[in-house]
Protein backbone atom coordinates (compact mmCIF):
# COMPACT_ATOMS: atom_id res chain seq x y z
CA MET A 1 27.80 0.68 5.58
CA SER A 2 28.17 1.77 9.20
CA MET A 3 25.23 3.56 10.78
CA SER A 4 27.14 6.86 10.82
CA GLU A 5 27.51 6.72 7.04
CA PHE A 6 23.75 7.16 6.62
CA GLY A 7 24.22 10.74 7.79
CA LYS A 8 21.34 12.83 9.04
CA VAL A 9 18.05 11.09 8.22
CA ALA A 10 14.56 12.61 7.99
CA VAL A 11 11.60 10.32 8.59
CA LEU A 12 8.80 11.95 6.61
CA MET A 13 5.49 11.46 8.43
CA GLY A 14 2.11 13.10 8.79
CA GLY A 15 1.57 15.07 5.62
CA PRO A 16 -1.67 16.55 4.29
CA SER A 17 -3.55 13.39 3.22
CA SER A 18 -6.56 11.70 4.79
CA GLU A 19 -4.14 9.03 6.05
CA ARG A 20 -2.18 11.51 8.19
CA GLU A 21 -3.07 9.76 11.44
CA ILE A 22 -1.77 6.40 10.25
CA SER A 23 1.33 8.02 8.81
CA PHE A 24 2.27 9.31 12.25
CA LEU A 25 1.90 5.79 13.66
CA SER A 26 4.15 4.39 10.94
CA GLY A 27 6.64 7.25 11.05
CA ASN A 28 7.11 7.23 14.79
CA ALA A 29 7.65 3.45 14.78
CA VAL A 30 10.29 3.82 12.06
CA LEU A 31 11.90 6.75 13.85
CA ALA A 32 12.26 4.79 17.09
CA ALA A 33 13.63 1.78 15.19
CA LEU A 34 16.28 3.81 13.38
CA LYS A 35 17.33 5.57 16.58
CA SER A 36 17.67 2.18 18.27
CA ARG A 37 20.32 1.39 15.65
CA ALA A 38 22.21 4.62 16.42
CA ILE A 39 21.08 6.37 13.24
CA ASP A 40 20.78 10.17 13.43
CA ALA A 41 17.07 10.17 12.57
CA HIS A 42 14.58 13.03 12.99
CA ALA A 43 10.81 13.40 12.51
CA PHE A 44 9.81 15.67 9.62
CA ASP A 45 6.20 16.60 8.81
CA PRO A 46 5.87 18.10 5.30
CA ALA A 47 2.48 19.53 6.27
CA GLU A 48 4.19 21.72 8.86
CA ARG A 49 7.55 22.43 7.24
CA SER A 50 8.95 23.19 3.79
CA LEU A 51 10.74 20.36 2.04
CA TYR A 52 13.51 22.86 1.29
CA ASP A 53 14.44 22.57 4.97
CA LEU A 54 15.75 19.09 4.19
CA LYS A 55 18.45 20.60 2.02
CA ARG A 56 19.08 23.61 4.23
CA GLU A 57 19.47 21.48 7.34
CA GLY A 58 21.79 18.94 5.77
CA PHE A 59 19.62 15.83 5.66
CA ALA A 60 21.44 13.13 3.71
CA ARG A 61 18.52 10.69 3.29
CA THR A 62 14.78 10.49 3.80
CA PHE A 63 12.65 7.57 4.90
CA ILE A 64 9.19 8.12 3.42
CA ALA A 65 6.52 7.03 5.91
CA LEU A 66 3.81 9.19 4.33
CA HIS A 67 0.62 7.41 3.30
CA GLY A 68 -1.90 8.51 0.69
CA ARG A 69 -1.73 11.51 -1.60
CA PHE A 70 1.43 13.60 -1.61
CA GLY A 71 3.36 10.77 0.06
CA GLU A 72 2.62 7.78 -2.18
CA ASP A 73 1.54 9.31 -5.48
CA GLY A 74 4.91 10.52 -6.79
CA THR A 75 4.49 14.10 -5.57
CA VAL A 76 6.98 14.06 -2.70
CA GLN A 77 9.25 11.73 -4.68
CA GLY A 78 9.45 14.29 -7.48
CA ALA A 79 10.16 17.11 -5.04
CA LEU A 80 12.96 15.10 -3.42
CA GLU A 81 14.45 14.37 -6.84
CA VAL A 82 14.52 18.09 -7.62
CA LEU A 83 16.22 18.71 -4.27
CA GLY A 84 18.64 15.85 -4.83
CA VAL A 85 17.78 14.21 -1.50
CA PRO A 86 17.75 10.38 -1.62
CA TYR A 87 14.47 8.73 -0.57
CA THR A 88 13.20 5.23 0.14
CA GLY A 89 10.86 3.17 -1.99
CA SER A 90 9.59 3.49 -5.53
CA GLY A 91 10.31 6.35 -7.87
CA VAL A 92 8.02 9.02 -9.29
CA MET A 93 6.40 7.08 -12.13
CA ALA A 94 5.83 3.84 -10.19
CA SER A 95 4.47 5.71 -7.16
CA ALA A 96 1.99 7.64 -9.29
CA LEU A 97 0.88 4.54 -11.17
CA ALA A 98 0.53 2.31 -8.11
CA MET A 99 -1.53 4.96 -6.31
CA ASP A 100 -4.05 4.84 -9.16
CA LYS A 101 -5.91 1.53 -8.89
CA TRP A 102 -7.53 2.00 -12.31
CA ARG A 103 -4.31 2.55 -14.19
CA THR A 104 -2.57 -0.20 -12.26
CA LYS A 105 -5.29 -2.53 -13.51
CA LEU A 106 -4.77 -1.36 -17.09
CA VAL A 107 -1.09 -2.25 -16.87
CA TRP A 108 -1.73 -5.58 -15.18
CA LEU A 109 -4.43 -6.60 -17.64
CA ALA A 110 -2.13 -5.71 -20.53
CA THR A 111 0.55 -8.01 -19.11
CA ASP A 112 -1.66 -10.92 -18.05
CA VAL A 113 -1.53 -10.26 -14.31
CA PRO A 114 -4.88 -11.51 -12.95
CA THR A 115 -7.03 -8.80 -11.37
CA PRO A 116 -10.80 -8.53 -10.76
CA ARG A 117 -13.10 -7.18 -13.46
CA TYR A 118 -14.11 -3.57 -12.94
CA ARG A 119 -15.64 -0.45 -14.40
CA VAL A 120 -14.85 3.24 -13.93
CA VAL A 121 -18.08 5.01 -12.89
CA ASP A 122 -19.50 8.48 -12.33
CA GLU A 123 -22.77 10.03 -11.17
CA LYS A 124 -24.39 9.32 -14.58
CA THR A 125 -23.58 5.60 -14.58
CA ASP A 126 -26.43 3.15 -15.14
CA TRP A 127 -26.01 1.10 -11.96
CA TRP A 128 -28.23 -1.70 -13.20
CA SER A 129 -25.93 -2.26 -16.17
CA ILE A 130 -22.95 -2.49 -13.82
CA VAL A 131 -24.74 -5.08 -11.69
CA ALA A 132 -25.77 -7.01 -14.79
CA GLU A 133 -22.18 -7.09 -16.03
CA LEU A 134 -20.23 -7.67 -12.82
CA GLY A 135 -22.82 -9.30 -10.58
CA LEU A 136 -23.19 -8.98 -6.82
CA PRO A 137 -21.57 -8.36 -4.39
CA LEU A 138 -19.58 -5.39 -5.68
CA ILE A 139 -16.80 -3.25 -4.23
CA VAL A 140 -17.07 0.50 -4.80
CA LYS A 141 -13.88 2.41 -4.07
CA PRO A 142 -12.03 5.67 -4.71
CA ALA A 143 -9.24 4.87 -7.16
CA ARG A 144 -6.47 6.94 -5.55
CA VAL A 145 -6.97 6.58 -1.80
CA GLY A 146 -5.49 3.94 0.50
CA SER A 147 -6.20 2.35 3.89
CA SER A 148 -9.66 1.19 2.71
CA ILE A 149 -10.97 4.75 3.10
CA GLY A 150 -14.21 5.36 1.18
CA ILE A 151 -14.75 1.71 0.24
CA THR A 152 -18.21 0.10 0.34
CA LYS A 153 -19.21 -3.50 -0.26
CA VAL A 154 -22.60 -3.54 -1.98
CA VAL A 155 -24.55 -6.77 -1.57
CA LYS A 156 -28.00 -5.62 -2.72
CA VAL A 157 -29.42 -2.85 -4.87
CA ASP A 158 -33.00 -2.49 -3.65
CA HIS A 159 -32.63 1.00 -2.17
CA ASP A 160 -30.14 2.94 -4.27
CA GLU A 161 -27.16 1.27 -2.56
CA MET A 162 -24.89 1.71 -5.58
CA ALA A 163 -25.47 5.44 -5.82
CA ILE A 164 -24.93 5.83 -2.07
CA ALA A 165 -21.69 3.86 -2.24
CA TYR A 166 -20.55 5.95 -5.20
CA ARG A 167 -21.13 9.18 -3.29
CA ALA A 168 -19.18 7.83 -0.31
CA ALA A 169 -16.22 7.05 -2.57
CA ALA A 170 -16.49 10.32 -4.49
CA GLU A 171 -16.07 12.26 -1.25
CA HIS A 172 -12.44 11.12 -1.31
CA ASP A 173 -11.65 11.06 -5.03
CA ASP A 174 -13.27 12.14 -8.28
CA LEU A 175 -12.10 8.88 -9.87
CA VAL A 176 -14.21 5.95 -8.65
CA ILE A 177 -14.17 2.31 -9.72
CA VAL A 178 -16.58 -0.56 -9.16
CA GLU A 179 -14.95 -3.96 -8.88
CA GLU A 180 -16.42 -7.44 -8.84
CA PHE A 181 -16.20 -9.03 -5.41
CA VAL A 182 -13.78 -11.95 -5.42
CA ALA A 183 -14.45 -14.49 -2.68
CA GLY A 184 -11.60 -16.45 -1.17
CA VAL A 185 -8.63 -16.31 1.15
CA GLU A 186 -7.20 -12.83 1.67
CA LEU A 187 -3.42 -12.80 1.31
CA THR A 188 -0.73 -10.17 1.21
CA ALA A 189 2.72 -10.44 -0.36
CA SER A 190 5.48 -8.18 0.98
CA ILE A 191 8.42 -7.23 -1.24
CA LEU A 192 11.84 -6.27 0.11
CA ASP A 193 14.90 -5.66 -2.07
CA GLU A 194 13.93 -7.84 -5.03
CA ARG A 195 12.60 -10.71 -2.94
CA ALA A 196 9.14 -11.74 -1.82
CA LEU A 197 8.74 -12.36 1.89
CA PRO A 198 6.46 -15.07 3.36
CA LEU A 199 2.78 -14.58 2.57
CA ILE A 200 0.35 -13.55 5.30
CA ARG A 201 -3.27 -14.73 5.52
CA ILE A 202 -5.74 -12.19 6.88
CA GLU A 203 -8.98 -13.06 8.64
CA ALA A 204 -11.02 -9.98 9.50
CA PRO A 205 -14.37 -10.05 11.36
CA GLU A 206 -17.08 -10.95 8.83
CA GLY A 207 -14.45 -10.60 6.11
CA ASN A 208 -14.48 -6.82 6.54
CA TYR A 209 -10.84 -5.69 6.45
CA ASP A 210 -11.68 -1.98 6.68
CA TYR A 211 -9.81 1.03 8.14
CA HIS A 212 -10.65 0.14 11.73
CA HIS A 213 -9.82 -3.54 11.38
CA LYS A 214 -6.55 -2.72 9.61
CA TYR A 215 -5.12 -0.41 12.22
CA PHE A 216 -6.99 -0.45 15.49
CA SER A 217 -8.77 -3.76 16.01
CA ASP A 218 -7.40 -6.76 17.85
CA GLU A 219 -10.12 -8.92 16.31
CA THR A 220 -8.38 -9.23 12.95
CA LYS A 221 -6.23 -12.36 12.78
CA TYR A 222 -2.99 -12.75 10.84
CA PHE A 223 -1.37 -16.05 9.95
CA CYS A 224 2.25 -16.42 8.89
CA PRO A 225 2.90 -19.11 7.77
CA CYS A 226 -0.24 -18.50 5.78
CA GLY A 227 -1.32 -22.12 5.55
CA VAL A 228 -1.16 -22.26 1.74
CA ALA A 229 0.65 -25.21 0.20
CA GLU A 230 4.36 -24.42 -0.16
CA GLU A 231 4.45 -24.87 -3.93
CA VAL A 232 1.44 -22.57 -4.36
CA GLU A 233 3.00 -19.96 -2.07
CA ARG A 234 6.21 -19.99 -4.11
CA VAL A 235 4.29 -19.40 -7.34
CA ILE A 236 2.27 -16.57 -5.77
CA GLN A 237 5.47 -15.00 -4.42
CA SER A 238 7.08 -15.17 -7.84
CA GLN A 239 4.08 -13.60 -9.59
CA SER A 240 3.78 -10.98 -6.85
CA LEU A 241 7.35 -9.90 -7.49
CA GLU A 242 6.66 -9.78 -11.23
CA ALA A 243 3.44 -7.75 -10.73
CA PHE A 244 5.44 -5.36 -8.53
CA ARG A 245 8.13 -4.94 -11.18
CA ILE A 246 5.63 -4.50 -14.01
CA VAL A 247 4.24 -1.39 -12.30
CA GLY A 248 7.84 -0.17 -12.03
CA CYS A 249 8.06 -0.44 -8.24
CA SER A 250 11.32 -0.89 -6.40
CA GLY A 251 12.80 -1.10 -2.92
CA TRP A 252 9.92 -2.34 -0.86
CA GLY A 253 6.14 -2.59 -0.95
CA ARG A 254 3.17 -4.90 -0.58
CA LEU A 255 0.59 -6.49 -2.86
CA ASP A 256 -2.89 -7.57 -1.78
CA LEU A 257 -4.57 -10.54 -3.42
CA ILE A 258 -7.35 -13.10 -3.09
CA LEU A 259 -6.77 -16.84 -3.42
CA GLN A 260 -9.97 -18.35 -4.80
CA ALA A 261 -11.45 -21.77 -4.09
CA ASP A 262 -10.42 -23.05 -7.53
CA GLY A 263 -6.75 -22.40 -6.75
CA THR A 264 -6.39 -19.26 -8.88
CA TRP A 265 -5.76 -15.80 -7.49
CA GLN A 266 -6.51 -12.18 -8.28
CA PHE A 267 -4.30 -9.18 -7.43
CA LEU A 268 -6.19 -6.23 -5.97
CA GLU A 269 -3.56 -3.50 -5.65
CA VAL A 270 0.05 -2.65 -4.89
CA ASN A 271 1.14 -0.39 -2.03
CA THR A 272 4.43 1.49 -2.37
CA VAL A 273 4.52 2.85 1.22
CA PRO A 274 2.81 0.17 3.32
CA GLY A 275 1.97 0.70 6.95
CA MET A 276 4.71 0.26 9.55
CA THR A 277 2.47 0.17 12.63
CA GLY A 278 1.95 -2.47 15.30
CA HIS A 279 -0.69 -4.11 13.10
CA SER A 280 1.29 -3.82 9.86
CA LEU A 281 1.98 -6.66 7.49
CA VAL A 282 5.44 -6.01 6.03
CA PRO A 283 7.08 -6.09 9.49
CA MET A 284 5.15 -9.27 10.26
CA ALA A 285 6.37 -10.98 7.10
CA ALA A 286 9.91 -9.72 7.65
CA LYS A 287 9.95 -11.14 11.17
CA ARG A 288 8.93 -14.52 9.80
CA ALA A 289 11.88 -14.24 7.41
CA GLY A 290 14.19 -13.56 10.35
CA ILE A 291 14.37 -9.77 10.03
CA GLU A 292 13.55 -7.80 13.16
CA PHE A 293 11.74 -4.47 12.80
CA PRO A 294 14.77 -2.17 13.36
CA ASP A 295 16.81 -4.16 10.84
CA LEU A 296 13.93 -3.99 8.36
CA CYS A 297 13.88 -0.20 8.67
CA VAL A 298 17.66 -0.01 8.21
CA GLU A 299 17.49 -2.24 5.12
CA ILE A 300 14.77 -0.07 3.57
CA LEU A 301 16.79 3.07 4.38
CA ARG A 302 19.90 1.55 2.82
CA GLY A 303 18.06 1.49 -0.51
CA ALA A 304 17.37 5.25 -0.51
CA HIS A 305 18.06 6.74 -3.94
CA VAL A 306 17.51 9.66 -6.26
CA GLY A 307 16.10 8.69 -9.64
């Protein structure tokens, strides 16, 4: 396919979610990359314009660089399917499922994909029973929000810490889960067109890979090669691809996991529209595999589909 055959391309960025700021960083990076390959690409913010403009203005494809609700949860994917405008990444069902960390866990547990123990909680939850069951530390998080927004690590429960952490998560989502803390090496597995790219090891200050350390800090360290034994990396890559497929995902994405001291690992979540910023992991893994950022964006765009 020559670049002209892509036609007029909309890079969807911004949007109405709490991750709007990061979406602009990703979207503008993608936009510049596509333009550098002579693709007729244009910025398009669904929070400012109607999606019907895509059809009216003759856009042939869309590159979804929207993060969070509306962009990753199947909403915009469904709208684009109705319009008949091809889009990048996973379809409606997989996007909705992957955005919901609770339901992703239900699917993974049913198919023997290892994932940390958890409980769904609300304001009436007996926090002491949660601690007794899952132990400390604990991770309290909104189930359908990305970029580590609203997440709290609870290490003690002397002063109502669990209830405070719950309220912080509930500000972002009415579905909140508490997850056992899994200690170990933090890894991420990037998926591109039915193949797993090299794993990346993440070392954040004090092990706190939060919103700031993901996108704006130069203190977080990334290692690719990840330093894991080659045979172990191959097995993790293979299971990452399977965990991705089980949720129904396609095109591209990223899975986060923890490699424990005993050599086993636990999958935390799957991201269907990962970040594409200067600190982002999929571009880093792609570069290790010999794929420069503009070519990565073109390859993702090539997979745009309807249905």
